[in-house]
Every structure is written in structure tokens, then in C-alpha cells.
Protein backbone atom coordinates (compact mmCIF):
# COMPACT_ATOMS: atom_id res chain seq x y z
CA MET A 1 -70.06 -19.97 20.87
CA HIS A 2 -69.96 -22.46 18.06
CA GLY A 3 -67.60 -22.10 15.12
CA ILE A 4 -68.16 -19.71 12.27
CA PRO A 5 -69.77 -21.54 9.37
CA ALA A 6 -67.93 -22.03 6.13
CA ARG A 7 -69.50 -20.44 3.09
CA GLN A 8 -71.01 -22.79 0.54
CA THR A 9 -69.38 -20.94 -2.36
CA PRO A 10 -66.65 -18.36 -2.03
CA VAL A 11 -67.27 -14.98 -3.58
CA THR A 12 -63.69 -13.91 -4.30
CA GLN A 13 -61.47 -15.92 -1.96
CA PRO A 14 -60.12 -19.45 -2.48
CA ALA A 15 -61.99 -22.27 -0.75
CA ASN A 16 -59.22 -22.76 1.81
CA ALA A 17 -59.22 -19.14 3.03
CA CYS A 18 -59.21 -18.57 6.77
CA TYR A 19 -62.82 -17.48 7.19
CA HIS A 20 -62.53 -16.99 10.95
CA LEU A 21 -59.87 -14.32 10.46
CA GLN A 22 -61.86 -12.71 7.62
CA VAL A 23 -64.97 -12.52 9.80
CA LYS A 24 -62.98 -11.03 12.69
CA GLN A 25 -61.44 -8.40 10.41
CA THR A 26 -64.87 -7.68 8.93
CA LEU A 27 -66.36 -7.22 12.40
CA GLN A 28 -63.49 -4.91 13.33
CA VAL A 29 -64.36 -2.70 10.35
CA LEU A 30 -68.05 -2.64 11.30
CA LEU A 31 -67.18 -1.72 14.89
CA GLN A 32 -64.87 1.02 13.58
CA LEU A 33 -67.73 2.40 11.45
CA ARG A 34 -69.93 2.41 14.54
CA SER A 35 -67.31 4.24 16.60
CA GLU A 36 -66.91 6.80 13.79
CA GLY A 37 -70.70 7.32 13.69
CA VAL A 38 -70.98 6.18 10.07
CA LEU A 39 -72.99 3.12 11.14
CA SER A 40 -74.92 4.28 14.17
CA ARG A 41 -76.39 1.04 15.44
CA PHE A 42 -76.26 -2.48 14.05
CA ALA A 43 -76.58 -6.14 15.01
CA ILE A 44 -75.44 -9.38 13.47
CA GLY A 45 -78.38 -11.42 12.19
CA GLY A 46 -78.95 -14.52 10.10
CA ALA A 47 -76.91 -17.71 10.23
CA ILE A 48 -73.85 -16.11 11.84
CA ALA A 49 -76.00 -14.75 14.67
CA ALA A 50 -77.59 -18.18 15.06
CA SER A 51 -74.11 -19.71 15.39
CA PHE A 52 -73.73 -17.86 18.70
CA TYR A 53 -76.56 -20.05 20.05
CA ILE A 54 -76.63 -23.29 18.04
CA GLU A 55 -74.37 -25.43 15.87
CA ALA A 56 -73.18 -23.45 12.89
CA VAL A 57 -74.62 -24.05 9.43
CA ALA A 58 -73.18 -23.13 6.06
CA THR A 59 -73.77 -19.56 5.01
CA GLU A 60 -72.68 -17.37 2.15
CA ASP A 61 -72.54 -14.03 3.93
CA LEU A 62 -72.75 -11.98 7.08
CA ASP A 63 -76.13 -10.30 7.57
CA ILE A 64 -76.06 -6.97 9.39
CA PHE A 65 -79.30 -5.26 10.42
CA ALA A 66 -78.68 -1.56 10.87
CA PHE A 67 -80.20 1.81 11.51
CA LEU A 68 -79.09 3.84 8.50
CA ARG A 69 -79.18 7.55 7.78
CA LEU A 70 -82.32 8.91 6.16
CA SER A 71 -82.56 11.75 3.69
CA PRO A 72 -84.89 14.67 4.45
CA GLY A 73 -87.44 12.84 2.26
CA GLY A 74 -87.20 9.68 4.38
CA MET A 75 -85.13 7.57 1.97
CA VAL A 76 -82.22 5.46 3.24
CA VAL A 77 -78.91 7.11 2.35
CA LEU A 78 -76.09 4.62 1.74
CA THR A 79 -73.55 6.94 0.10
CA PRO A 80 -71.61 8.00 3.25
CA LEU A 81 -71.46 4.39 4.47
CA TYR A 82 -70.35 2.98 1.12
CA ASP A 83 -67.85 5.80 0.58
CA ARG A 84 -66.23 5.08 3.96
CA LEU A 85 -66.23 1.33 3.31
CA LYS A 86 -64.45 1.92 -0.01
CA GLU A 87 -61.88 4.10 1.79
CA LEU A 88 -61.26 1.12 4.08
CA GLY A 89 -60.70 -1.19 1.10
CA ALA A 90 -64.14 -2.75 0.73
CA THR A 91 -65.66 -3.41 -2.67
CA VAL A 92 -69.24 -3.87 -3.83
CA GLN A 93 -70.31 -7.11 -5.47
CA ASP A 94 -74.00 -7.53 -6.28
CA GLU A 95 -75.98 -7.05 -3.07
CA HIS A 96 -72.88 -7.50 -0.89
CA VAL A 97 -70.08 -5.34 0.35
CA LEU A 98 -66.86 -7.38 0.44
CA ILE A 99 -64.98 -6.46 3.59
CA HIS A 100 -61.66 -8.31 3.88
CA GLY A 101 -63.06 -10.70 1.27
CA TRP A 102 -66.12 -11.59 3.34
CA PRO A 103 -69.51 -10.76 1.77
CA VAL A 104 -71.66 -8.61 4.02
CA GLN A 105 -75.28 -7.67 3.47
CA ILE A 106 -76.02 -4.44 5.30
CA LEU A 107 -79.77 -4.40 5.60
CA PRO A 108 -81.76 -1.46 6.92
CA ALA A 109 -83.91 -2.31 9.93
CA TYR A 110 -86.82 -2.87 7.54
CA THR A 111 -89.66 -3.79 9.93
CA HIS A 112 -90.65 -2.95 13.49
CA LEU A 113 -89.53 -6.46 14.45
CA VAL A 114 -86.04 -5.97 13.00
CA GLU A 115 -85.81 -2.53 14.63
CA ALA A 116 -86.66 -4.14 17.97
CA ALA A 117 -84.08 -6.88 17.31
CA VAL A 118 -81.34 -4.29 16.76
CA LEU A 119 -82.35 -2.35 19.87
CA ASP A 120 -82.46 -5.56 21.96
CA ALA A 121 -79.18 -7.00 20.59
CA ARG A 122 -76.75 -8.24 23.18
CA GLU A 123 -72.99 -7.84 23.05
CA GLN A 124 -71.39 -11.24 22.47
CA SER A 125 -67.73 -12.13 22.36
CA PHE A 126 -66.13 -13.11 19.07
CA ASP A 127 -62.40 -13.73 19.34
CA GLY A 128 -61.94 -10.87 21.79
CA LEU A 129 -64.37 -8.49 20.10
CA ALA A 130 -67.64 -7.43 21.71
CA VAL A 131 -70.16 -7.50 18.86
CA PRO A 132 -73.91 -6.86 18.90
CA VAL A 133 -75.86 -10.03 18.09
CA VAL A 134 -79.61 -10.44 17.61
CA SER A 135 -81.13 -12.44 20.48
CA ALA A 136 -82.29 -16.02 19.89
CA ASP A 137 -85.89 -14.91 20.54
CA HIS A 138 -85.72 -12.21 17.88
CA LEU A 139 -83.91 -14.57 15.47
CA CYS A 140 -86.87 -16.95 15.80
CA ALA A 141 -89.42 -14.20 15.22
CA ILE A 142 -87.52 -12.83 12.20
CA ALA A 143 -87.21 -16.36 10.80
CA LEU A 144 -90.97 -16.84 11.21
CA GLN A 145 -91.58 -13.51 9.47
CA THR A 146 -89.27 -14.49 6.58
CA GLY A 147 -90.92 -17.91 6.33
CA ARG A 148 -88.51 -19.89 4.14
CA PRO A 149 -87.99 -23.60 4.92
CA LYS A 150 -84.46 -22.91 6.20
CA ASP A 151 -85.88 -20.23 8.49
CA TYR A 152 -88.39 -22.65 10.02
CA LEU A 153 -85.52 -25.09 10.59
CA ARG A 154 -83.60 -22.33 12.38
CA VAL A 155 -86.60 -21.76 14.66
CA TYR A 156 -86.74 -25.49 15.38
CA SER A 157 -83.00 -25.66 16.12
CA LEU A 158 -83.03 -22.64 18.43
CA ILE A 159 -86.04 -23.93 20.36
CA GLN A 160 -84.66 -27.48 20.61
CA ALA A 161 -81.33 -26.14 21.89
CA GLY A 162 -83.14 -24.35 24.72
CA CYS A 163 -81.91 -20.92 23.61
CA VAL A 164 -85.33 -19.32 23.34
CA ASP A 165 -87.36 -17.68 26.09
CA THR A 166 -90.75 -19.04 25.00
CA ALA A 167 -92.70 -16.35 26.87
CA LYS A 168 -90.72 -13.65 25.08
CA LEU A 169 -91.15 -15.43 21.72
CA ARG A 170 -94.92 -15.68 22.28
CA LYS A 171 -95.02 -11.95 22.98
CA LEU A 172 -93.01 -11.22 19.80
CA ILE A 173 -95.36 -13.44 17.79
CA GLN A 174 -98.37 -11.59 19.17
CA THR A 175 -96.88 -8.09 18.88
CA HIS A 176 -95.72 -8.56 15.29
CA GLY A 177 -98.69 -10.50 13.92
CA LEU A 178 -96.85 -13.77 13.38
CA GLN A 179 -99.46 -16.21 14.69
CA GLU A 180 -100.22 -17.66 11.25
CA ARG A 181 -96.51 -18.15 10.57
CA TRP A 182 -96.18 -19.83 13.97
CA ASN A 183 -99.10 -22.10 13.08
CA ILE A 184 -97.35 -23.06 9.82
CA TYR A 185 -94.17 -23.81 11.76
CA ALA A 186 -96.09 -25.83 14.38
CA ARG A 187 -97.83 -27.95 11.72
CA ARG A 188 -94.57 -28.75 9.96
CA TYR A 189 -91.99 -29.01 12.73
CA ALA A 190 -93.49 -29.14 16.21
């Protein structure tokens, strides 16, 4: 595993804070929430997940894709999760939950692709913790779906590093209707 990336701008901690320790403590809280049943299933996504496969890049937060409780009407219910996080000392700042000073975006598994990524996540080791991490193949497909320039660069980096099962990625592209996004990527970066 490559190092944890430093954030470009700190949210509440000084620039010289020990981010590795903050991330470990944050992951411990998320694993505790999972063991308590408050956060049933989750996986690390985004730049931190990519750092398990390729050289780390700067990031501002930890992205967590999760299956969250639904109300009887089908709406995502965040109250029990946020209440428990606050009991554990977390605070809310904009779209983030600050856990041990590290900004975390807890995102519902918002598409079939992200749901599949959470279900297919593999346990990876982070400083003695076994944490669920989105696979490199799913990271590529999600990056294609998102379609920002930095996402296309992530696809390029993961493919160039040999982390991607191209047959599996082709299947994800086909299954999730990402052929046009792949074509855009191929024209720009391949």
C-alpha cells in the first residue's frame, strides 16, 4: 500500500497534523459503527481507495460508500448514524463529518455500480486494520461514471499500474452503460 495522501487544505487541523493517525482513528470509528450495526456495509472509495493500488495523490477527505437505512417511504435515514457519530465525538462541517479531525463524506450507494462496488469490496490492511476498499476495477468504472478530468486520470493511473482486470472492467463498462465515457477516456488518454 502506498502512503495516505496529505490533504490540500486542512479543515480544522493544523497543516502539520499526523494524518496517518487521524485516518487510522477514523477507520476505527467506522469499523466500530459497522460492528454496532449502525453502518451496515461500507467501502472506502475515492482517492484514499486508489492509494491502496497506486501512488497516493492529494485529497481533502475520505469517501465512504455505504448502504444506509431507509425509511418506510424509501428515503435515506441519516439520523441514527449522525447521532452515534456525535456520541463518539464527531462533528458535522458542510458535507463532511469530522471524525478525529479527518473529513469524511459518507455517501449512500447511489447507483447500481456503487452498490456493486460496495458488495465487491475487498478487505485491505491499513496499519493493522482490515478495512473494506473498493476494487481497482470498480474505482475505474466509478471514475468513468463521474467523468471529471481527475477521474479520467485516475483511470489512466490504475490501468498503467497494472491494477485493473481489463476483462472485468469491460464487463462493468457494458453492464453500467459506460461505453461513451470509455470512448471519451480513450480519445483523451489512451
